[in-house]
Amino acid sequence: MKSTIISMFIVLILMIAVPMFLLSDADFAQKFGFGGGSGDANAPKNIKKVVTDERVEVYKWVDEYGVMQFSNKPPLDDRDSEKIVLTPDINVIDAIEIPEEVQEEAAKPGVFSLGSPYSPDGMKKMVDDSKEVKEQLNQRQAEQEKVLQDLFKR
């Protein structure tokens, strides 16, 4: 019984310690096929770090599936590729132009005089406005139906 408890305790410690050990050192985990790669398996040797003191040549092209490819070697087939040379003493990101601030005058609120919608003139105007809106909506619906009919005729 004691040996079972001790062996279970050892297995529990290993289950906790091994993942912590493997996940703390990515290179160690990758040696044994664990962990995600850094994505630089096909990258040139001098692109492993973000900052480099060396000149880097990169080829850029689009493969047959339309995917943009980057490599330190040109494509094997006669595909058009663009050679990009990165030097450490040149900034590769264009500067951002900051526009000058333009002071705008504060817009003054407008005052509308609608009149009373409950007066005879107000009611007439409201009915006329609603008829205009109805006509516009009917016209738009007719245009949309015409477009749909033209699409289905093709």
N, C-alpha and C. Protein backbone atom coordinates (compact mmCIF):
# COMPACT_ATOMS: atom_id res chain seq x y z
N MET A 1 0.82 -1.19 0.00
CA MET A 1 0.00 0.00 0.00
C MET A 1 0.86 1.26 0.00
N LYS A 2 1.91 1.26 0.83
CA LYS A 2 2.79 2.42 0.88
C LYS A 2 3.46 2.64 -0.47
N SER A 3 3.89 1.57 -1.11
CA SER A 3 4.59 1.70 -2.39
C SER A 3 3.65 2.25 -3.47
N THR A 4 2.39 1.91 -3.44
CA THR A 4 1.42 2.42 -4.40
C THR A 4 1.23 3.93 -4.21
N ILE A 5 1.11 4.35 -2.96
CA ILE A 5 0.93 5.77 -2.68
C ILE A 5 2.17 6.55 -3.08
N ILE A 6 3.34 6.01 -2.78
CA ILE A 6 4.59 6.69 -3.13
C ILE A 6 4.73 6.76 -4.65
N SER A 7 4.42 5.68 -5.37
CA SER A 7 4.54 5.70 -6.83
C SER A 7 3.52 6.68 -7.44
N MET A 8 2.32 6.76 -6.89
CA MET A 8 1.33 7.71 -7.38
C MET A 8 1.80 9.15 -7.12
N PHE A 9 2.43 9.37 -5.97
CA PHE A 9 2.95 10.68 -5.64
C PHE A 9 4.07 11.07 -6.60
N ILE A 10 4.95 10.16 -6.95
CA ILE A 10 6.03 10.42 -7.89
C ILE A 10 5.47 10.70 -9.28
N VAL A 11 4.49 9.94 -9.72
CA VAL A 11 3.86 10.16 -11.02
C VAL A 11 3.19 11.53 -11.06
N LEU A 12 2.55 11.93 -9.98
CA LEU A 12 1.90 13.23 -9.91
C LEU A 12 2.92 14.36 -10.01
N ILE A 13 4.04 14.22 -9.31
CA ILE A 13 5.09 15.23 -9.39
C ILE A 13 5.64 15.31 -10.81
N LEU A 14 5.86 14.16 -11.45
CA LEU A 14 6.36 14.16 -12.82
C LEU A 14 5.35 14.79 -13.78
N MET A 15 4.06 14.54 -13.56
CA MET A 15 3.03 15.12 -14.43
C MET A 15 2.99 16.64 -14.30
N ILE A 16 3.38 17.16 -13.15
CA ILE A 16 3.41 18.61 -12.96
C ILE A 16 4.73 19.20 -13.45
N ALA A 17 5.86 18.52 -13.15
CA ALA A 17 7.18 19.08 -13.42
C ALA A 17 7.57 19.01 -14.89
N VAL A 18 7.25 17.92 -15.57
CA VAL A 18 7.70 17.73 -16.95
C VAL A 18 7.10 18.78 -17.89
N PRO A 19 5.80 19.07 -17.87
CA PRO A 19 5.30 20.12 -18.76
C PRO A 19 5.90 21.49 -18.46
N MET A 20 6.12 21.77 -17.16
CA MET A 20 6.74 23.05 -16.83
C MET A 20 8.15 23.12 -17.38
N PHE A 21 8.88 22.03 -17.31
CA PHE A 21 10.24 21.99 -17.84
C PHE A 21 10.24 22.11 -19.35
N LEU A 22 9.32 21.41 -20.01
CA LEU A 22 9.28 21.43 -21.47
C LEU A 22 8.81 22.78 -22.00
N LEU A 23 7.86 23.39 -21.32
CA LEU A 23 7.31 24.65 -21.82
C LEU A 23 8.19 25.85 -21.50
N SER A 24 9.09 25.72 -20.54
CA SER A 24 9.93 26.86 -20.20
C SER A 24 11.04 27.07 -21.21
N ASP A 25 11.50 26.02 -21.89
CA ASP A 25 12.56 26.14 -22.88
C ASP A 25 12.03 25.64 -24.21
N ALA A 26 11.72 26.56 -25.12
CA ALA A 26 11.10 26.18 -26.39
C ALA A 26 12.05 25.35 -27.24
N ASP A 27 13.35 25.67 -27.21
CA ASP A 27 14.30 24.90 -28.01
C ASP A 27 14.37 23.45 -27.54
N PHE A 28 14.35 23.25 -26.22
CA PHE A 28 14.40 21.90 -25.68
C PHE A 28 13.16 21.11 -26.10
N ALA A 29 11.99 21.76 -26.04
CA ALA A 29 10.76 21.08 -26.40
C ALA A 29 10.73 20.76 -27.89
N GLN A 30 11.29 21.64 -28.73
CA GLN A 30 11.28 21.40 -30.17
C GLN A 30 12.23 20.28 -30.56
N LYS A 31 13.27 20.05 -29.78
CA LYS A 31 14.20 18.95 -30.07
C LYS A 31 13.48 17.61 -30.04
N PHE A 32 12.48 17.51 -29.18
CA PHE A 32 11.74 16.27 -29.05
C PHE A 32 10.41 16.29 -29.79
N GLY A 33 10.19 17.32 -30.62
CA GLY A 33 8.99 17.37 -31.43
C GLY A 33 7.79 17.95 -30.72
N PHE A 34 8.00 18.59 -29.58
CA PHE A 34 6.89 19.19 -28.85
C PHE A 34 6.92 20.70 -29.03
N GLY A 35 5.79 21.32 -28.81
CA GLY A 35 5.74 22.77 -28.85
C GLY A 35 5.64 23.28 -30.27
N GLY A 36 5.12 24.49 -30.40
CA GLY A 36 4.99 25.11 -31.71
C GLY A 36 6.32 25.64 -32.18
N GLY A 37 6.54 25.56 -33.46
CA GLY A 37 7.77 26.08 -34.02
C GLY A 37 7.71 27.59 -34.09
N SER A 38 8.85 28.21 -34.23
CA SER A 38 8.89 29.66 -34.33
C SER A 38 8.59 30.12 -35.74
N GLY A 39 8.40 29.17 -36.67
CA GLY A 39 8.02 29.54 -38.02
C GLY A 39 9.18 29.92 -38.89
N ASP A 40 10.42 29.69 -38.44
CA ASP A 40 11.57 30.11 -39.22
C ASP A 40 12.35 28.92 -39.76
N ALA A 41 11.68 27.77 -40.00
CA ALA A 41 12.37 26.59 -40.48
C ALA A 41 12.98 26.83 -41.86
N ASN A 42 12.29 27.54 -42.73
CA ASN A 42 12.81 27.79 -44.07
C ASN A 42 13.39 29.20 -44.21
N ALA A 43 13.48 29.92 -43.11
CA ALA A 43 13.97 31.29 -43.17
C ALA A 43 15.49 31.28 -43.29
N PRO A 44 16.03 32.30 -43.89
CA PRO A 44 17.48 32.40 -43.97
C PRO A 44 18.09 32.45 -42.57
N LYS A 45 19.32 32.03 -42.47
CA LYS A 45 20.00 31.96 -41.18
C LYS A 45 20.08 33.32 -40.50
N ASN A 46 20.21 34.41 -41.29
CA ASN A 46 20.37 35.71 -40.67
C ASN A 46 19.04 36.44 -40.44
N ILE A 47 17.90 35.75 -40.50
CA ILE A 47 16.61 36.39 -40.22
C ILE A 47 16.02 35.84 -38.93
N LYS A 48 16.75 35.06 -38.17
CA LYS A 48 16.20 34.47 -36.95
C LYS A 48 15.84 35.51 -35.92
N LYS A 49 16.53 36.63 -35.90
CA LYS A 49 16.25 37.65 -34.91
C LYS A 49 15.58 38.84 -35.59
N VAL A 50 14.89 39.63 -34.80
CA VAL A 50 14.24 40.80 -35.35
C VAL A 50 15.27 41.84 -35.77
N VAL A 51 16.31 42.00 -34.98
CA VAL A 51 17.35 42.96 -35.27
C VAL A 51 18.59 42.20 -35.73
N THR A 52 19.18 42.63 -36.83
CA THR A 52 20.38 41.98 -37.35
C THR A 52 21.36 43.04 -37.84
N ASP A 53 22.62 42.71 -37.80
CA ASP A 53 23.64 43.61 -38.30
C ASP A 53 24.06 43.25 -39.71
N GLU A 54 23.45 42.21 -40.26
CA GLU A 54 23.85 41.73 -41.57
C GLU A 54 22.84 42.16 -42.64
N ARG A 55 23.29 42.17 -43.86
CA ARG A 55 22.43 42.46 -45.00
C ARG A 55 21.64 41.19 -45.32
N VAL A 56 20.34 41.33 -45.55
CA VAL A 56 19.47 40.18 -45.77
C VAL A 56 18.83 40.30 -47.15
N GLU A 57 18.89 39.22 -47.93
CA GLU A 57 18.22 39.18 -49.23
C GLU A 57 17.04 38.23 -49.14
N VAL A 58 15.87 38.72 -49.51
CA VAL A 58 14.65 37.93 -49.44
C VAL A 58 13.98 37.98 -50.80
N TYR A 59 13.44 36.85 -51.25
CA TYR A 59 12.70 36.79 -52.52
C TYR A 59 11.22 36.65 -52.20
N LYS A 60 10.41 37.41 -52.92
CA LYS A 60 8.96 37.42 -52.71
C LYS A 60 8.29 37.07 -54.02
N TRP A 61 7.33 36.12 -53.99
CA TRP A 61 6.59 35.73 -55.19
C TRP A 61 5.25 35.14 -54.78
N VAL A 62 4.38 34.95 -55.76
CA VAL A 62 3.06 34.36 -55.54
C VAL A 62 3.07 32.97 -56.17
N ASP A 63 2.69 31.96 -55.37
CA ASP A 63 2.71 30.59 -55.88
C ASP A 63 1.45 30.30 -56.72
N GLU A 64 1.33 29.05 -57.17
CA GLU A 64 0.22 28.70 -58.07
C GLU A 64 -1.13 28.75 -57.39
N TYR A 65 -1.17 28.79 -56.04
CA TYR A 65 -2.43 28.87 -55.31
C TYR A 65 -2.78 30.31 -54.92
N GLY A 66 -1.95 31.26 -55.35
CA GLY A 66 -2.21 32.66 -55.05
C GLY A 66 -1.71 33.09 -53.68
N VAL A 67 -0.84 32.29 -53.05
CA VAL A 67 -0.33 32.60 -51.72
C VAL A 67 1.02 33.30 -51.86
N MET A 68 1.20 34.40 -51.13
CA MET A 68 2.45 35.14 -51.15
C MET A 68 3.51 34.32 -50.41
N GLN A 69 4.66 34.10 -51.07
CA GLN A 69 5.75 33.31 -50.50
C GLN A 69 6.98 34.20 -50.31
N PHE A 70 7.75 33.93 -49.25
CA PHE A 70 9.00 34.61 -48.98
C PHE A 70 10.06 33.54 -48.72
N SER A 71 11.26 33.74 -49.27
CA SER A 71 12.33 32.79 -49.07
C SER A 71 13.67 33.49 -49.29
N ASN A 72 14.75 32.83 -48.82
CA ASN A 72 16.08 33.38 -49.06
C ASN A 72 16.63 32.90 -50.40
N LYS A 73 15.88 32.03 -51.09
CA LYS A 73 16.27 31.53 -52.41
C LYS A 73 15.15 31.84 -53.40
N PRO A 74 15.49 32.14 -54.65
CA PRO A 74 14.42 32.39 -55.63
C PRO A 74 13.62 31.12 -55.90
N PRO A 75 12.40 31.24 -56.43
CA PRO A 75 11.60 30.04 -56.70
C PRO A 75 12.28 29.17 -57.75
N LEU A 76 12.06 27.85 -57.64
CA LEU A 76 12.73 26.91 -58.53
C LEU A 76 12.21 27.02 -59.97
N ASP A 77 10.91 27.20 -60.14
CA ASP A 77 10.38 27.35 -61.50
C ASP A 77 10.62 28.78 -61.98
N ASP A 78 10.26 29.06 -63.20
CA ASP A 78 10.52 30.37 -63.79
C ASP A 78 9.45 31.39 -63.40
N ARG A 79 9.11 31.41 -62.17
CA ARG A 79 8.08 32.30 -61.65
C ARG A 79 8.70 33.69 -61.42
N ASP A 80 7.92 34.74 -61.69
CA ASP A 80 8.40 36.09 -61.43
C ASP A 80 8.53 36.29 -59.93
N SER A 81 9.69 36.78 -59.51
CA SER A 81 9.90 37.04 -58.09
C SER A 81 10.56 38.40 -57.93
N GLU A 82 10.35 38.97 -56.77
CA GLU A 82 10.92 40.27 -56.46
C GLU A 82 11.99 40.07 -55.40
N LYS A 83 13.19 40.59 -55.65
CA LYS A 83 14.29 40.47 -54.70
C LYS A 83 14.25 41.71 -53.80
N ILE A 84 14.17 41.47 -52.50
CA ILE A 84 14.13 42.54 -51.52
C ILE A 84 15.41 42.47 -50.70
N VAL A 85 16.14 43.56 -50.65
CA VAL A 85 17.38 43.61 -49.88
C VAL A 85 17.14 44.49 -48.66
N LEU A 86 17.32 43.89 -47.48
CA LEU A 86 17.14 44.62 -46.22
C LEU A 86 18.52 44.89 -45.63
N THR A 87 18.80 46.14 -45.39
CA THR A 87 20.08 46.50 -44.78
C THR A 87 19.80 47.04 -43.39
N PRO A 88 20.71 46.81 -42.44
CA PRO A 88 20.43 47.21 -41.06
C PRO A 88 20.43 48.72 -40.83
N ASP A 89 21.00 49.49 -41.76
CA ASP A 89 21.08 50.93 -41.53
C ASP A 89 19.94 51.72 -42.17
N ILE A 90 18.91 51.02 -42.69
CA ILE A 90 17.78 51.69 -43.34
C ILE A 90 16.50 51.28 -42.63
N ASN A 91 15.65 52.25 -42.39
CA ASN A 91 14.36 51.99 -41.78
C ASN A 91 13.43 51.43 -42.85
N VAL A 92 12.85 50.25 -42.63
CA VAL A 92 12.01 49.62 -43.65
C VAL A 92 10.55 50.04 -43.56
N ILE A 93 10.20 50.81 -42.54
CA ILE A 93 8.83 51.27 -42.38
C ILE A 93 8.78 52.75 -42.73
N ASP A 94 7.86 53.11 -43.61
CA ASP A 94 7.72 54.51 -43.99
C ASP A 94 7.21 55.32 -42.80
N ALA A 95 7.68 56.53 -42.73
CA ALA A 95 7.23 57.42 -41.67
C ALA A 95 5.78 57.82 -41.89
N ILE A 96 5.12 58.10 -40.82
CA ILE A 96 3.72 58.52 -40.89
C ILE A 96 3.66 60.03 -40.87
N GLU A 97 2.96 60.59 -41.84
CA GLU A 97 2.78 62.03 -41.87
C GLU A 97 1.65 62.40 -40.93
N ILE A 98 1.94 63.32 -40.05
CA ILE A 98 0.92 63.78 -39.12
C ILE A 98 0.33 65.06 -39.68
N PRO A 99 -0.96 65.05 -40.00
CA PRO A 99 -1.56 66.25 -40.59
C PRO A 99 -1.64 67.38 -39.57
N GLU A 100 -1.55 68.59 -40.10
CA GLU A 100 -1.68 69.75 -39.23
C GLU A 100 -3.11 69.82 -38.72
N GLU A 101 -3.22 70.25 -37.49
CA GLU A 101 -4.55 70.35 -36.89
C GLU A 101 -5.26 71.58 -37.43
N VAL A 102 -6.46 71.37 -37.86
CA VAL A 102 -7.27 72.48 -38.37
C VAL A 102 -8.35 72.77 -37.34
N GLN A 103 -8.39 73.99 -36.91
CA GLN A 103 -9.40 74.36 -35.93
C GLN A 103 -10.70 74.68 -36.65
N GLU A 104 -11.72 74.00 -36.24
CA GLU A 104 -13.02 74.22 -36.85
C GLU A 104 -13.88 75.06 -35.91
N GLU A 105 -14.65 75.91 -36.50
CA GLU A 105 -15.56 76.70 -35.69
C GLU A 105 -16.69 75.80 -35.21
N ALA A 106 -17.08 76.01 -33.99
CA ALA A 106 -18.17 75.22 -33.45
C ALA A 106 -19.46 75.58 -34.17
N ALA A 107 -20.15 74.55 -34.63
CA ALA A 107 -21.41 74.78 -35.34
C ALA A 107 -22.48 75.20 -34.34
N LYS A 108 -23.18 76.23 -34.68
CA LYS A 108 -24.24 76.70 -33.81
C LYS A 108 -25.50 75.88 -34.09
N PRO A 109 -26.20 75.55 -33.05
CA PRO A 109 -27.41 74.75 -33.27
C PRO A 109 -28.45 75.54 -34.04
N GLY A 110 -29.09 74.84 -34.96
CA GLY A 110 -30.13 75.47 -35.76
C GLY A 110 -31.47 75.43 -35.05
N VAL A 111 -32.29 76.39 -35.30
CA VAL A 111 -33.61 76.43 -34.70
C VAL A 111 -34.63 76.20 -35.81
N PHE A 112 -35.47 75.20 -35.60
CA PHE A 112 -36.49 74.89 -36.59
C PHE A 112 -37.85 75.36 -36.09
N SER A 113 -38.60 75.90 -36.99
CA SER A 113 -39.96 76.31 -36.65
C SER A 113 -40.90 75.41 -37.44
N LEU A 114 -41.42 74.39 -36.77
CA LEU A 114 -42.27 73.43 -37.44
C LEU A 114 -43.74 73.84 -37.42
N GLY A 115 -44.07 74.68 -36.52
CA GLY A 115 -45.48 75.00 -36.39
C GLY A 115 -46.17 73.89 -35.62
N SER A 116 -47.39 74.02 -35.43
CA SER A 116 -48.13 73.01 -34.70
C SER A 116 -48.59 71.92 -35.65
N PRO A 117 -48.21 70.66 -35.39
CA PRO A 117 -48.66 69.59 -36.28
C PRO A 117 -50.15 69.30 -36.13
N TYR A 118 -50.78 69.87 -35.11
CA TYR A 118 -52.20 69.61 -34.88
C TYR A 118 -53.09 70.65 -35.53
N SER A 119 -52.49 71.67 -36.13
CA SER A 119 -53.30 72.67 -36.82
C SER A 119 -53.69 72.09 -38.19
N PRO A 120 -54.69 72.67 -38.85
CA PRO A 120 -55.09 72.16 -40.17
C PRO A 120 -53.94 72.22 -41.18
N ASP A 121 -53.16 73.31 -41.15
CA ASP A 121 -52.02 73.40 -42.08
C ASP A 121 -50.95 72.35 -41.74
N GLY A 122 -50.70 72.15 -40.45
CA GLY A 122 -49.71 71.16 -40.02
C GLY A 122 -50.12 69.75 -40.42
N MET A 123 -51.41 69.44 -40.29
CA MET A 123 -51.90 68.11 -40.67
C MET A 123 -51.80 67.92 -42.17
N LYS A 124 -52.13 68.95 -42.94
CA LYS A 124 -52.04 68.86 -44.39
C LYS A 124 -50.59 68.63 -44.82
N LYS A 125 -49.66 69.37 -44.21
CA LYS A 125 -48.24 69.21 -44.54
C LYS A 125 -47.77 67.80 -44.19
N MET A 126 -48.20 67.27 -43.04
CA MET A 126 -47.79 65.93 -42.63
C MET A 126 -48.32 64.88 -43.60
N VAL A 127 -49.55 65.00 -44.05
CA VAL A 127 -50.12 64.05 -45.01
C VAL A 127 -49.39 64.15 -46.35
N ASP A 128 -49.10 65.37 -46.80
CA ASP A 128 -48.39 65.55 -48.07
C ASP A 128 -46.97 64.93 -47.98
N ASP A 129 -46.30 65.16 -46.85
CA ASP A 129 -44.95 64.60 -46.67
C ASP A 129 -44.99 63.07 -46.67
N SER A 130 -45.99 62.51 -46.02
CA SER A 130 -46.07 61.04 -45.98
C SER A 130 -46.39 60.48 -47.37
N LYS A 131 -47.17 61.20 -48.18
CA LYS A 131 -47.44 60.74 -49.55
C LYS A 131 -46.17 60.78 -50.39
N GLU A 132 -45.33 61.82 -50.20
CA GLU A 132 -44.07 61.90 -50.93
C GLU A 132 -43.14 60.74 -50.55
N VAL A 133 -43.10 60.44 -49.26
CA VAL A 133 -42.26 59.33 -48.81
C VAL A 133 -42.77 58.02 -49.38
N LYS A 134 -44.08 57.85 -49.42
CA LYS A 134 -44.66 56.63 -49.97
C LYS A 134 -44.31 56.50 -51.45
N GLU A 135 -44.38 57.60 -52.20
CA GLU A 135 -44.03 57.57 -53.62
C GLU A 135 -42.56 57.21 -53.82
N GLN A 136 -41.69 57.77 -52.99
CA GLN A 136 -40.26 57.45 -53.09
C GLN A 136 -40.00 55.97 -52.81
N LEU A 137 -40.66 55.45 -51.78
CA LEU A 137 -40.49 54.03 -51.45
C LEU A 137 -41.00 53.14 -52.56
N ASN A 138 -42.15 53.48 -53.15
CA ASN A 138 -42.70 52.68 -54.26
C ASN A 138 -41.76 52.73 -55.46
N GLN A 139 -41.17 53.89 -55.72
CA GLN A 139 -40.24 54.03 -56.84
C GLN A 139 -38.99 53.18 -56.60
N ARG A 140 -38.45 53.22 -55.39
CA ARG A 140 -37.28 52.40 -55.07
C ARG A 140 -37.58 50.91 -55.19
N GLN A 141 -38.75 50.51 -54.73
CA GLN A 141 -39.13 49.11 -54.81
C GLN A 141 -39.23 48.67 -56.27
N ALA A 142 -39.80 49.52 -57.13
CA ALA A 142 -39.91 49.19 -58.55
C ALA A 142 -38.53 49.06 -59.17
N GLU A 143 -37.60 49.96 -58.80
CA GLU A 143 -36.23 49.89 -59.33
C GLU A 143 -35.54 48.59 -58.88
N GLN A 144 -35.73 48.23 -57.63
CA GLN A 144 -35.10 47.00 -57.12
C GLN A 144 -35.68 45.76 -57.79
N GLU A 145 -36.99 45.75 -58.01
CA GLU A 145 -37.61 44.61 -58.69
C GLU A 145 -37.09 44.49 -60.12
N LYS A 146 -36.90 45.63 -60.78
CA LYS A 146 -36.37 45.63 -62.14
C LYS A 146 -34.94 45.06 -62.16
N VAL A 147 -34.12 45.46 -61.20
CA VAL A 147 -32.74 44.94 -61.12
C VAL A 147 -32.76 43.45 -60.88
N LEU A 148 -33.62 42.98 -60.00
CA LEU A 148 -33.71 41.54 -59.73
C LEU A 148 -34.18 40.77 -60.96
N GLN A 149 -35.14 41.31 -61.67
CA GLN A 149 -35.61 40.63 -62.88
C GLN A 149 -34.50 40.57 -63.92
N ASP A 150 -33.71 41.64 -64.06
CA ASP A 150 -32.59 41.64 -64.99
C ASP A 150 -31.55 40.61 -64.58
N LEU A 151 -31.34 40.43 -63.30
CA LEU A 151 -30.36 39.44 -62.82
C LEU A 151 -30.81 38.03 -63.12
N PHE A 152 -32.10 37.75 -62.92
CA PHE A 152 -32.61 36.40 -63.14
C PHE A 152 -32.76 36.06 -64.61
N LYS A 153 -32.83 37.07 -65.47
CA LYS A 153 -32.93 36.80 -66.91
C LYS A 153 -31.61 36.30 -67.47
N ARG A 154 -30.52 36.62 -66.83
CA ARG A 154 -29.18 36.21 -67.33
C ARG A 154 -28.94 34.79 -67.13
